[in-house]
Amino acid sequence: MDNEIRAWLKDIEQAILEINSFLPESKVFTDFQKDLKTKRAVERNIEIIGEAMARILKVDPYIDISDTRKIVDTRNRIIHGYDSVSEDILWGIIIRNLPVLEIDVKKLLK
């Protein structure tokens, strides 16, 4: 595997770890909604994940990661349409998409 791709995968892995560390222990949506700092930290880490994925796709458009285009699109939406990203969307990404992405990234880094 290309060293740049490995570095970007590590960035994605680190961003996922940070998101998980920021979440309230309860993992209850209403607790997340009340915590502006956590929401902003999650947004920033999703931006990092999306940017790293965009860079990876330029080098290897066929990398074995689920929903690569959605990841990049989400990053773009947060950056360019920040007012259209709801708490529900962020929470859905955290609960449904990040666990799958984490598995894919760990598999590639082995």
Protein backbone atom coordinates (compact mmCIF):
# COMPACT_ATOMS: atom_id res chain seq x y z
CA MET A 1 0.00 0.00 0.00
CA ASP A 2 1.17 3.51 -0.85
CA ASN A 3 2.66 5.37 2.16
CA GLU A 4 0.42 8.40 1.54
CA ILE A 5 -2.69 6.25 1.55
CA ARG A 6 -1.55 4.58 4.77
CA ALA A 7 -1.06 8.01 6.37
CA TRP A 8 -4.51 9.18 5.27
CA LEU A 9 -6.08 5.96 6.58
CA LYS A 10 -4.36 6.62 9.91
CA ASP A 11 -5.84 10.15 9.88
CA ILE A 12 -9.30 8.65 9.35
CA GLU A 13 -8.72 6.12 12.13
CA GLN A 14 -7.60 8.91 14.49
CA ALA A 15 -10.60 11.09 13.63
CA ILE A 16 -12.97 8.19 14.39
CA LEU A 17 -11.23 7.60 17.73
CA GLU A 18 -11.59 11.28 18.58
CA ILE A 19 -15.27 11.34 17.67
CA ASN A 20 -15.90 8.33 19.87
CA SER A 21 -13.99 9.91 22.75
CA PHE A 22 -16.03 13.12 22.52
CA LEU A 23 -19.42 11.42 22.68
CA PRO A 24 -21.39 11.37 25.89
CA GLU A 25 -21.05 8.03 27.65
CA SER A 26 -24.80 7.57 27.47
CA LYS A 27 -24.73 7.72 23.64
CA VAL A 28 -28.14 9.34 23.86
CA PHE A 29 -29.07 11.70 21.05
CA THR A 30 -30.56 14.36 23.34
CA ASP A 31 -27.30 14.54 25.31
CA PHE A 32 -25.43 15.04 22.03
CA GLN A 33 -27.89 17.76 20.96
CA LYS A 34 -27.20 19.79 24.11
CA ASP A 35 -23.41 19.76 23.72
CA LEU A 36 -22.30 22.38 21.19
CA LYS A 37 -18.59 21.64 21.68
CA THR A 38 -19.07 17.97 20.89
CA LYS A 39 -21.16 18.73 17.81
CA ARG A 40 -18.48 21.08 16.48
CA ALA A 41 -15.71 18.58 17.27
CA VAL A 42 -17.63 15.86 15.44
CA GLU A 43 -18.17 18.13 12.44
CA ARG A 44 -14.47 18.94 12.29
CA ASN A 45 -13.45 15.29 12.45
CA ILE A 46 -15.95 14.37 9.75
CA GLU A 47 -14.37 17.10 7.61
CA ILE A 48 -10.95 15.49 8.22
CA ILE A 49 -12.31 12.05 7.34
CA GLY A 50 -13.86 13.38 4.13
CA GLU A 51 -10.73 15.25 3.07
CA ALA A 52 -8.52 12.21 3.72
CA MET A 53 -10.94 10.06 1.74
CA ALA A 54 -10.91 12.52 -1.18
CA ARG A 55 -7.12 12.36 -1.26
CA ILE A 56 -7.16 8.56 -1.12
CA LEU A 57 -9.64 8.37 -4.00
CA LYS A 58 -7.38 10.51 -6.18
CA VAL A 59 -4.61 7.93 -5.76
CA ASP A 60 -6.75 4.77 -5.63
CA PRO A 61 -10.35 5.22 -6.81
CA TYR A 62 -11.05 1.51 -6.24
CA ILE A 63 -10.03 1.28 -2.59
CA ASP A 64 -12.12 -1.20 -0.60
CA ILE A 65 -14.02 1.20 1.66
CA SER A 66 -17.81 1.40 1.88
CA ASP A 67 -19.58 4.58 0.76
CA THR A 68 -16.45 6.51 -0.21
CA ARG A 69 -18.41 9.02 -2.30
CA LYS A 70 -20.89 9.64 0.53
CA ILE A 71 -18.02 10.35 2.91
CA VAL A 72 -16.55 12.99 0.61
CA ASP A 73 -20.00 14.45 -0.12
CA THR A 74 -20.71 14.77 3.60
CA ARG A 75 -17.45 16.65 4.10
CA ASN A 76 -18.37 19.01 1.28
CA ARG A 77 -21.83 19.54 2.71
CA ILE A 78 -20.44 20.44 6.14
CA ILE A 79 -17.93 22.87 4.69
CA HIS A 80 -20.01 24.48 1.95
CA GLY A 81 -23.53 24.02 3.29
CA TYR A 82 -22.86 24.18 7.00
CA ASP A 83 -26.38 25.42 7.69
CA SER A 84 -27.93 22.36 6.05
CA VAL A 85 -26.26 19.74 8.27
CA SER A 86 -28.61 18.85 11.06
CA GLU A 87 -27.86 17.17 14.37
CA ASP A 88 -29.87 14.18 13.11
CA ILE A 89 -27.55 13.75 10.14
CA LEU A 90 -24.46 13.93 12.34
CA TRP A 91 -25.93 11.45 14.81
CA GLY A 92 -26.82 9.04 12.02
CA ILE A 93 -23.26 9.18 10.73
CA ILE A 94 -21.90 8.54 14.22
CA ILE A 95 -24.18 5.60 14.96
CA ARG A 96 -24.50 3.91 11.55
CA ASN A 97 -21.62 4.91 9.29
CA LEU A 98 -18.56 5.38 11.48
CA PRO A 99 -18.55 1.82 12.86
CA VAL A 100 -18.53 0.42 9.30
CA LEU A 101 -15.83 2.87 8.20
CA GLU A 102 -13.73 1.97 11.22
CA ILE A 103 -13.87 -1.73 10.31
CA ASP A 104 -12.95 -1.01 6.67
CA VAL A 105 -10.00 1.19 7.66
CA LYS A 106 -8.65 -1.27 10.23
CA LYS A 107 -8.85 -4.05 7.68
CA LEU A 108 -6.82 -2.02 5.18
CA LEU A 109 -4.22 -1.03 7.75
CA LYS A 110 -3.48 -4.66 8.69
